[in-house]
Amino acid sequence: MADISVNVDGLAMPNPFVIGSGPPGTNEKMICKAFEAGWGGVICKTLSLEADKVINVAPRYGKLKSRTSNEVIGFENIELISDRPIDIWEKELRACKDKHPEGILIASIMEECEEWRWKELTERCEAAGADAFELNLSCPHGLPERKMGAAMGQDCEIVEQVTGWVRKATKKPIWSKMTPNITHISEPAAAAMKGGANGISAINTILSVIGVDLETLRPMPTVEGHSVPGGYSAQAVRPIALRMVMEIARDVPNASISGIGGVECAADAIQFILMGSHTVQVCTGAMLQGFGMVTEMCEGLSAFMDKHGFASVDDFRGSAVQYFTTHADLVQRQKAAKVARAGQRSRDNEWQGDKITAQTDALTAQSGDGKAS
């Protein structure tokens, strides 16, 4: 059986699979259940200093199902960050580490754009036992009204500044979480690294409208007849997430990457690793399948590695990135391949009298001045 353990930014995990910030890490009981199920790490639901400002609504989820089955292919949420007070979280983070001292517990944190807020939140979470931090600079809905979340992540200067504030407050690993609601994700990723991050988490959810009820003519999910755009996740976002992870791996090679977006099984996760991810996060998948899905993911990763002869996850991480190029290069590669194939054919049976000159030209190497060489 292959060794699927990883060591990322000094965080030793039995496997690269991490519970992403959200409902699966919403309290002590949930976090401990995830560790017991075998997840390599858990990122708690995003914390802030003033939970009383966070008021959730219901319903707050919407599902996009296949036209031909009941399968959920897209999932939207308008859920906010944790509405539980920071002092309760401090007690529960300590309790989680007491029960699972070997478990990698990562605090997801978000605050308004003031240094003292980020510094205090970081120091309190570290004192409570957090092994690392994920900076939520990317929540697409609700909190941008307070200039938080994606409102920060879309501004490279703020990304660098906030990451720097947290870096001054801790020596623990920092992952800055990127918003996909931006043109070039590598730019804020590079800014985060400049600010002192160890790695990048990507992607957060995509701003979306899951649909409109054709009976009521109201957007969904509908709360008292109204709605707001929310964060889109589940398998439908995976192609977009893979593209963005590839871009970060290519453009910001010094960053560790925690890949996120539509992971529901081992095959999905392996694709993220091939694109350069050091760890792979799952949130919506765990909400729909339960924590036990990690068993298939571990077994599937091990089987894949055994099949290809990989001794460690690092042996194949990022190996698909090298095969991305430009369209102009694809054209040249195709032309070169056609010429090469023409030269390899058995031409004796293919010569045609009315095409003899053209066939001769096709088999003649040309020098730079156009004359036969």
Protein backbone atom coordinates (compact mmCIF):
# COMPACT_ATOMS: atom_id res chain seq x y z
CA MET A 1 0.00 0.00 0.00
CA ALA A 2 1.37 3.42 -0.99
CA ASP A 3 2.38 6.02 1.56
CA ILE A 4 -0.27 8.73 1.22
CA SER A 5 0.98 10.89 4.10
CA VAL A 6 2.10 14.46 3.40
CA ASN A 7 4.09 17.14 5.16
CA VAL A 8 3.01 20.60 4.05
CA ASP A 9 4.51 23.75 5.55
CA GLY A 10 5.62 21.66 8.53
CA LEU A 11 2.13 20.17 9.03
CA ALA A 12 2.38 16.36 9.09
CA MET A 13 -0.84 14.69 7.93
CA PRO A 14 -1.69 11.00 7.43
CA ASN A 15 -3.28 11.92 4.09
CA PRO A 16 -3.72 15.11 2.04
CA PHE A 17 -7.47 15.36 2.57
CA VAL A 18 -8.72 18.29 4.62
CA ILE A 19 -12.20 19.32 5.70
CA GLY A 20 -12.78 22.77 4.26
CA SER A 21 -14.15 25.66 6.25
CA GLY A 22 -17.93 25.51 6.55
CA PRO A 23 -20.67 23.47 8.22
CA PRO A 24 -18.54 20.28 8.52
CA GLY A 25 -16.24 22.18 10.91
CA THR A 26 -18.86 24.26 12.65
CA ASN A 27 -18.24 23.14 16.26
CA GLU A 28 -16.22 20.79 18.49
CA LYS A 29 -18.46 17.79 17.89
CA MET A 30 -18.23 18.07 14.10
CA ILE A 31 -14.47 18.61 14.09
CA CYS A 32 -13.87 15.59 16.32
CA LYS A 33 -16.11 13.45 14.11
CA ALA A 34 -13.99 14.40 11.13
CA PHE A 35 -10.75 13.45 12.90
CA GLU A 36 -12.28 10.16 14.00
CA ALA A 37 -13.28 9.41 10.40
CA GLY A 38 -9.66 9.78 9.30
CA TRP A 39 -9.36 13.20 7.67
CA GLY A 40 -5.82 14.52 7.42
CA GLY A 41 -6.79 17.93 8.75
CA VAL A 42 -9.79 20.07 9.61
CA ILE A 43 -10.35 23.77 8.96
CA CYS A 44 -12.97 25.15 11.32
CA LYS A 45 -15.80 27.36 10.15
CA THR A 46 -14.58 30.94 9.78
CA LEU A 47 -14.30 32.83 13.07
CA SER A 48 -14.50 36.54 13.85
CA LEU A 49 -14.33 38.64 17.00
CA GLU A 50 -17.94 39.87 16.90
CA ALA A 51 -20.22 36.93 16.24
CA ASP A 52 -23.27 38.96 17.23
CA LYS A 53 -22.95 40.77 13.89
CA VAL A 54 -23.42 37.46 12.06
CA ILE A 55 -27.09 36.57 11.55
CA ASN A 56 -27.95 33.67 9.26
CA VAL A 57 -31.25 33.09 7.45
CA ALA A 58 -33.19 30.03 6.36
CA PRO A 59 -33.43 28.51 3.88
CA ARG A 60 -29.84 29.26 2.93
CA TYR A 61 -28.97 26.45 0.51
CA GLY A 62 -30.02 25.67 -3.03
CA LYS A 63 -29.38 22.57 -5.16
CA LEU A 64 -28.94 22.27 -8.92
CA LYS A 65 -29.84 18.74 -9.98
CA SER A 66 -29.19 16.79 -13.15
CA ARG A 67 -31.93 17.04 -15.78
CA THR A 68 -32.06 13.24 -16.00
CA SER A 69 -31.58 12.16 -12.37
CA ASN A 70 -31.72 13.36 -8.79
CA GLU A 71 -27.96 13.84 -8.69
CA VAL A 72 -26.77 17.15 -7.19
CA ILE A 73 -24.36 18.75 -9.63
CA GLY A 74 -24.35 22.27 -8.18
CA PHE A 75 -24.88 23.68 -4.71
CA GLU A 76 -25.39 27.29 -3.66
CA ASN A 77 -25.19 28.73 -0.16
CA ILE A 78 -25.91 32.14 1.31
CA GLU A 79 -24.57 31.08 4.69
CA LEU A 80 -22.36 33.47 6.62
CA ILE A 81 -19.33 32.74 8.78
CA SER A 82 -19.69 31.33 12.30
CA ASP A 83 -22.31 32.97 14.49
CA ARG A 84 -20.77 31.44 17.63
CA PRO A 85 -18.85 33.72 20.05
CA ILE A 86 -15.07 33.64 19.96
CA ASP A 87 -14.79 32.70 23.65
CA ILE A 88 -16.82 29.55 23.01
CA TRP A 89 -14.64 28.75 20.02
CA GLU A 90 -11.51 29.13 22.14
CA LYS A 91 -12.81 26.49 24.56
CA GLU A 92 -13.80 24.15 21.75
CA LEU A 93 -10.53 24.49 19.85
CA ARG A 94 -8.69 23.53 23.04
CA ALA A 95 -11.03 20.60 23.57
CA CYS A 96 -10.46 19.36 20.01
CA LYS A 97 -6.69 19.44 20.46
CA ASP A 98 -6.95 17.70 23.82
CA LYS A 99 -8.99 14.87 22.27
CA HIS A 100 -6.97 14.70 19.04
CA PRO A 101 -3.50 16.12 19.73
CA GLU A 102 -2.16 14.59 16.50
CA GLY A 103 -4.91 16.12 14.37
CA ILE A 104 -4.04 19.15 12.28
CA LEU A 105 -6.51 21.85 13.31
CA ILE A 106 -6.54 24.98 11.16
CA ALA A 107 -8.35 28.14 12.19
CA SER A 108 -10.18 29.97 9.42
CA ILE A 109 -10.31 33.62 10.38
CA MET A 110 -11.90 36.77 8.95
CA GLU A 111 -12.12 40.30 10.21
CA GLU A 112 -12.66 43.86 9.14
CA CYS A 113 -9.70 45.72 7.67
CA GLU A 114 -8.07 46.82 10.91
CA GLU A 115 -4.74 45.43 12.07
CA TRP A 116 -5.65 45.03 15.72
CA ARG A 117 -8.64 42.86 14.84
CA TRP A 118 -6.63 40.39 12.76
CA LYS A 119 -3.81 40.35 15.31
CA GLU A 120 -6.08 39.69 18.28
CA LEU A 121 -8.04 36.98 16.48
CA THR A 122 -4.83 35.25 15.39
CA GLU A 123 -3.28 35.33 18.85
CA ARG A 124 -6.42 34.03 20.56
CA CYS A 125 -6.79 31.13 18.12
CA GLU A 126 -3.12 30.19 18.41
CA ALA A 127 -3.35 30.22 22.21
CA ALA A 128 -6.36 27.90 21.92
CA GLY A 129 -4.33 25.33 19.97
CA ALA A 130 -4.64 26.18 16.26
CA ASP A 131 -1.85 24.53 14.27
CA ALA A 132 -2.17 26.91 11.31
CA PHE A 133 -4.35 29.63 9.85
CA GLU A 134 -6.46 30.05 6.74
CA LEU A 135 -7.27 33.68 6.00
CA ASN A 136 -10.76 33.97 4.56
CA LEU A 137 -10.23 36.74 2.02
CA SER A 138 -12.83 35.33 -0.31
CA CYS A 139 -16.36 34.77 1.04
CA PRO A 140 -18.48 36.01 -1.90
CA HIS A 141 -21.68 37.03 -0.15
CA GLY A 142 -22.96 38.86 2.92
CA LEU A 143 -19.77 40.08 4.52
CA PRO A 144 -18.45 42.08 1.56
CA GLU A 145 -21.07 44.55 2.84
CA ARG A 146 -18.66 45.02 5.78
CA LYS A 147 -15.70 45.21 3.37
CA MET A 148 -14.69 41.68 4.35
CA GLY A 149 -14.24 38.44 2.43
CA ALA A 150 -14.13 38.82 -1.35
CA ALA A 151 -14.06 42.61 -0.98
CA MET A 152 -10.57 42.12 0.44
CA GLY A 153 -9.53 39.28 -1.82
CA GLN A 154 -10.21 41.28 -4.97
CA ASP A 155 -7.70 43.94 -3.92
CA CYS A 156 -4.08 42.77 -4.10
CA GLU A 157 -2.82 45.54 -1.83
CA ILE A 158 -5.26 44.56 0.89
CA VAL A 159 -4.44 40.86 0.46
CA GLU A 160 -0.76 41.60 1.01
CA GLN A 161 -1.47 43.94 3.90
CA VAL A 162 -3.81 41.62 5.81
CA THR A 163 -1.55 38.61 5.28
CA GLY A 164 1.31 40.70 6.63
CA TRP A 165 -0.67 41.61 9.74
CA VAL A 166 -1.29 37.96 10.51
CA ARG A 167 2.32 37.04 9.75
CA LYS A 168 3.47 39.56 12.36
CA ALA A 169 1.15 37.93 14.90
CA THR A 170 2.19 34.29 14.41
CA LYS A 171 4.95 32.00 13.23
CA LYS A 172 2.44 29.26 12.43
CA PRO A 173 1.72 28.36 8.77
CA ILE A 174 -0.64 30.73 6.95
CA TRP A 175 -2.77 29.88 3.90
CA SER A 176 -4.56 32.79 2.24
CA LYS A 177 -7.84 31.70 0.68
CA MET A 178 -8.51 33.11 -2.79
CA THR A 179 -11.73 34.26 -4.38
CA PRO A 180 -12.47 32.98 -7.91
CA ASN A 181 -14.55 36.11 -8.53
CA ILE A 182 -11.59 37.86 -10.10
CA THR A 183 -9.93 37.99 -13.51
CA HIS A 184 -6.43 36.71 -12.71
CA ILE A 185 -6.23 34.62 -9.54
CA SER A 186 -2.42 34.45 -9.64
CA GLU A 187 -2.18 38.17 -8.85
CA PRO A 188 -3.74 38.10 -5.34
CA ALA A 189 -2.02 34.75 -4.74
CA ALA A 190 1.36 36.36 -5.41
CA ALA A 191 0.37 39.30 -3.20
CA ALA A 192 -0.44 36.94 -0.34
CA MET A 193 2.93 35.25 -0.66
CA LYS A 194 4.61 38.66 -0.66
CA GLY A 195 2.75 39.43 2.55
CA GLY A 196 4.16 36.35 4.26
CA ALA A 197 1.79 33.47 3.50
CA ASN A 198 3.14 29.94 3.27
CA GLY A 199 0.46 28.82 0.90
CA ILE A 200 -2.72 29.48 -1.01
CA SER A 201 -6.15 27.89 -0.65
CA ALA A 202 -8.16 27.97 -3.88
CA ILE A 203 -10.88 28.32 -4.71
CA ASN A 204 -13.66 29.66 -2.55
CA THR A 205 -17.18 29.50 -3.97
CA ILE A 206 -18.25 31.25 -7.17
CA LEU A 207 -20.83 34.02 -6.91
CA SER A 208 -24.03 32.65 -8.43
CA VAL A 209 -27.80 32.45 -8.65
CA ILE A 210 -28.86 28.81 -8.47
CA GLY A 211 -32.12 29.44 -10.33
CA VAL A 212 -35.56 31.04 -10.41
CA ASP A 213 -38.76 29.34 -9.30
CA LEU A 214 -41.01 29.37 -12.37
CA GLU A 215 -44.15 29.25 -10.25
CA THR A 216 -43.40 32.13 -7.89
CA LEU A 217 -40.95 33.95 -10.23
CA ARG A 218 -38.64 34.42 -7.22
CA PRO A 219 -34.90 33.66 -7.16
CA MET A 220 -33.76 30.73 -5.03
CA PRO A 221 -33.11 30.18 -2.18
CA THR A 222 -36.01 32.46 -1.31
CA VAL A 223 -36.21 34.15 2.10
CA GLU A 224 -39.42 36.09 2.69
CA GLY A 225 -39.78 36.39 -1.07
CA HIS A 226 -36.27 37.72 -1.68
CA SER A 227 -32.75 36.38 -2.17
CA VAL A 228 -29.11 37.37 -2.74
CA PRO A 229 -26.46 35.85 -5.00
CA GLY A 230 -24.56 33.15 -3.13
CA GLY A 231 -21.55 30.88 -3.31
CA TYR A 232 -21.63 28.08 -5.90
CA SER A 233 -19.93 24.75 -5.17
CA ALA A 234 -20.15 20.98 -5.83
CA GLN A 235 -18.98 19.08 -8.89
CA ALA A 236 -20.04 21.69 -11.44
CA VAL A 237 -17.30 24.10 -10.28
CA ARG A 238 -14.45 21.57 -10.47
CA PRO A 239 -13.27 22.48 -14.01
CA ILE A 240 -12.99 26.13 -13.01
CA ALA A 241 -11.19 25.28 -9.78
CA LEU A 242 -8.73 23.00 -11.57
CA ARG A 243 -7.89 25.78 -14.03
CA MET A 244 -7.26 28.28 -11.26
CA VAL A 245 -5.15 25.87 -9.22
CA MET A 246 -3.06 25.18 -12.32
CA GLU A 247 -2.52 28.90 -12.83
CA ILE A 248 -1.35 29.37 -9.26
CA ALA A 249 0.97 26.36 -9.49
CA ARG A 250 2.43 27.73 -12.73
CA ASP A 251 2.65 31.41 -11.77
CA VAL A 252 3.37 31.25 -8.01
CA PRO A 253 5.67 28.22 -7.72
CA ASN A 254 6.85 29.05 -4.20
CA ALA A 255 3.34 28.61 -2.75
CA SER A 256 1.97 25.44 -1.26
CA ILE A 257 -1.56 24.94 -2.57
CA SER A 258 -4.66 23.60 -0.90
CA GLY A 259 -6.99 22.79 -3.79
CA ILE A 260 -10.73 23.22 -3.37
CA GLY A 261 -13.72 22.86 -5.66
CA GLY A 262 -16.16 20.04 -6.38
CA VAL A 263 -14.17 17.17 -4.87
CA GLU A 264 -16.45 14.19 -4.28
CA CYS A 265 -14.16 11.17 -4.68
CA ALA A 266 -10.54 10.06 -4.98
CA ALA A 267 -10.42 10.63 -8.74
CA ASP A 268 -11.44 14.27 -8.25
CA ALA A 269 -8.81 14.82 -5.58
CA ILE A 270 -6.05 13.19 -7.63
CA GLN A 271 -6.72 15.65 -10.43
CA PHE A 272 -6.11 18.53 -8.04
CA ILE A 273 -2.83 16.99 -6.92
CA LEU A 274 -1.78 16.54 -10.55
CA MET A 275 -2.49 20.25 -10.99
CA GLY A 276 -0.15 21.13 -8.14
CA SER A 277 -2.16 20.85 -4.93
CA HIS A 278 -0.30 19.78 -1.78
CA THR A 279 -3.57 19.16 0.06
CA VAL A 280 -7.17 18.87 -1.14
CA GLN A 281 -10.13 20.33 0.72
CA VAL A 282 -13.69 19.03 0.80
CA CYS A 283 -16.69 20.88 2.19
CA THR A 284 -19.85 20.45 0.09
CA GLY A 285 -18.90 16.84 -0.64
CA ALA A 286 -18.84 16.05 3.07
CA MET A 287 -22.16 17.83 3.57
CA LEU A 288 -23.77 15.65 0.89
CA GLN A 289 -21.99 12.34 1.61
CA GLY A 290 -20.84 12.50 5.22
CA PHE A 291 -17.38 12.30 6.77
CA GLY A 292 -17.01 8.63 5.80
CA MET A 293 -16.25 9.58 2.18
CA VAL A 294 -12.59 10.00 3.20
CA THR A 295 -12.19 6.21 3.29
CA GLU A 296 -12.80 5.89 -0.47
CA MET A 297 -10.53 8.86 -1.09
CA CYS A 298 -7.63 7.31 0.83
CA GLU A 299 -8.10 3.90 -0.76
CA GLY A 300 -8.46 5.40 -4.22
CA LEU A 301 -5.34 7.54 -3.85
CA SER A 302 -3.33 4.56 -2.63
CA ALA A 303 -4.53 2.39 -5.52
CA PHE A 304 -3.67 5.10 -8.04
CA MET A 305 -0.17 5.46 -6.62
CA ASP A 306 0.40 1.70 -6.60
CA LYS A 307 -0.78 1.44 -10.21
CA HIS A 308 1.67 4.10 -11.39
CA GLY A 309 4.52 3.18 -9.08
CA PHE A 310 4.52 6.41 -7.07
CA ALA A 311 6.15 6.12 -3.65
CA SER A 312 4.82 9.43 -2.33
CA VAL A 313 2.28 12.09 -3.20
CA ASP A 314 5.12 14.46 -4.08
CA ASP A 315 6.20 12.03 -6.82
CA PHE A 316 3.30 13.07 -9.03
CA ARG A 317 2.14 16.37 -7.58
CA GLY A 318 1.93 19.00 -10.30
CA SER A 319 3.00 16.65 -13.07
CA ALA A 320 0.12 17.71 -15.35
CA VAL A 321 0.99 21.41 -15.20
CA GLN A 322 3.86 21.06 -17.68
CA TYR A 323 1.43 20.05 -20.41
CA PHE A 324 -0.34 23.42 -20.52
CA THR A 325 0.90 25.78 -23.19
CA THR A 326 -0.40 28.41 -25.61
CA HIS A 327 -2.74 27.86 -28.54
CA ALA A 328 -0.02 29.04 -30.94
CA ASP A 329 2.28 26.37 -29.54
CA LEU A 330 -0.42 23.72 -30.00
CA VAL A 331 -0.65 24.67 -33.67
CA GLN A 332 3.11 24.33 -34.12
CA ARG A 333 3.19 21.02 -32.26
CA GLN A 334 0.43 19.67 -34.47
CA LYS A 335 2.22 20.76 -37.63
CA ALA A 336 5.45 19.15 -36.46
CA ALA A 337 3.63 15.96 -35.54
CA LYS A 338 2.04 15.74 -39.01
CA VAL A 339 5.43 16.09 -40.66
CA ALA A 340 6.92 13.47 -38.36
CA ARG A 341 4.08 11.03 -39.04
CA ALA A 342 4.42 11.57 -42.78
CA GLY A 343 8.07 10.61 -42.63
CA GLN A 344 7.28 7.44 -40.69
CA ARG A 345 4.75 6.07 -43.13
CA SER A 346 5.48 3.30 -45.59
CA ARG A 347 5.31 5.53 -48.65
CA ASP A 348 5.95 2.86 -51.29
CA ASN A 349 2.30 1.83 -51.33
CA GLU A 350 1.01 5.38 -51.13
CA TRP A 351 2.67 7.07 -54.09
CA GLN A 352 0.16 8.36 -56.66
CA GLY A 353 1.14 9.41 -60.14
CA ASP A 354 -0.93 12.58 -60.22
CA LYS A 355 0.45 13.74 -56.84
CA ILE A 356 4.10 12.80 -57.25
CA THR A 357 5.45 16.34 -56.91
CA ALA A 358 3.38 17.16 -53.83
CA GLN A 359 4.39 13.91 -52.16
CA THR A 360 8.01 14.61 -52.98
CA ASP A 361 7.75 18.03 -51.35
CA ALA A 362 6.17 16.56 -48.23
CA LEU A 363 9.13 14.28 -47.74
CA THR A 364 11.75 16.94 -48.43
CA ALA A 365 13.34 18.78 -45.49
CA GLN A 366 13.43 22.53 -45.99
CA SER A 367 16.20 24.87 -44.90
CA GLY A 368 15.59 28.38 -43.65
CA ASP A 369 15.91 29.92 -47.15
CA GLY A 370 13.31 27.55 -48.58
CA LYS A 371 15.81 25.53 -50.60
CA ALA A 372 16.16 21.78 -50.23
CA SER A 373 18.84 20.86 -47.72
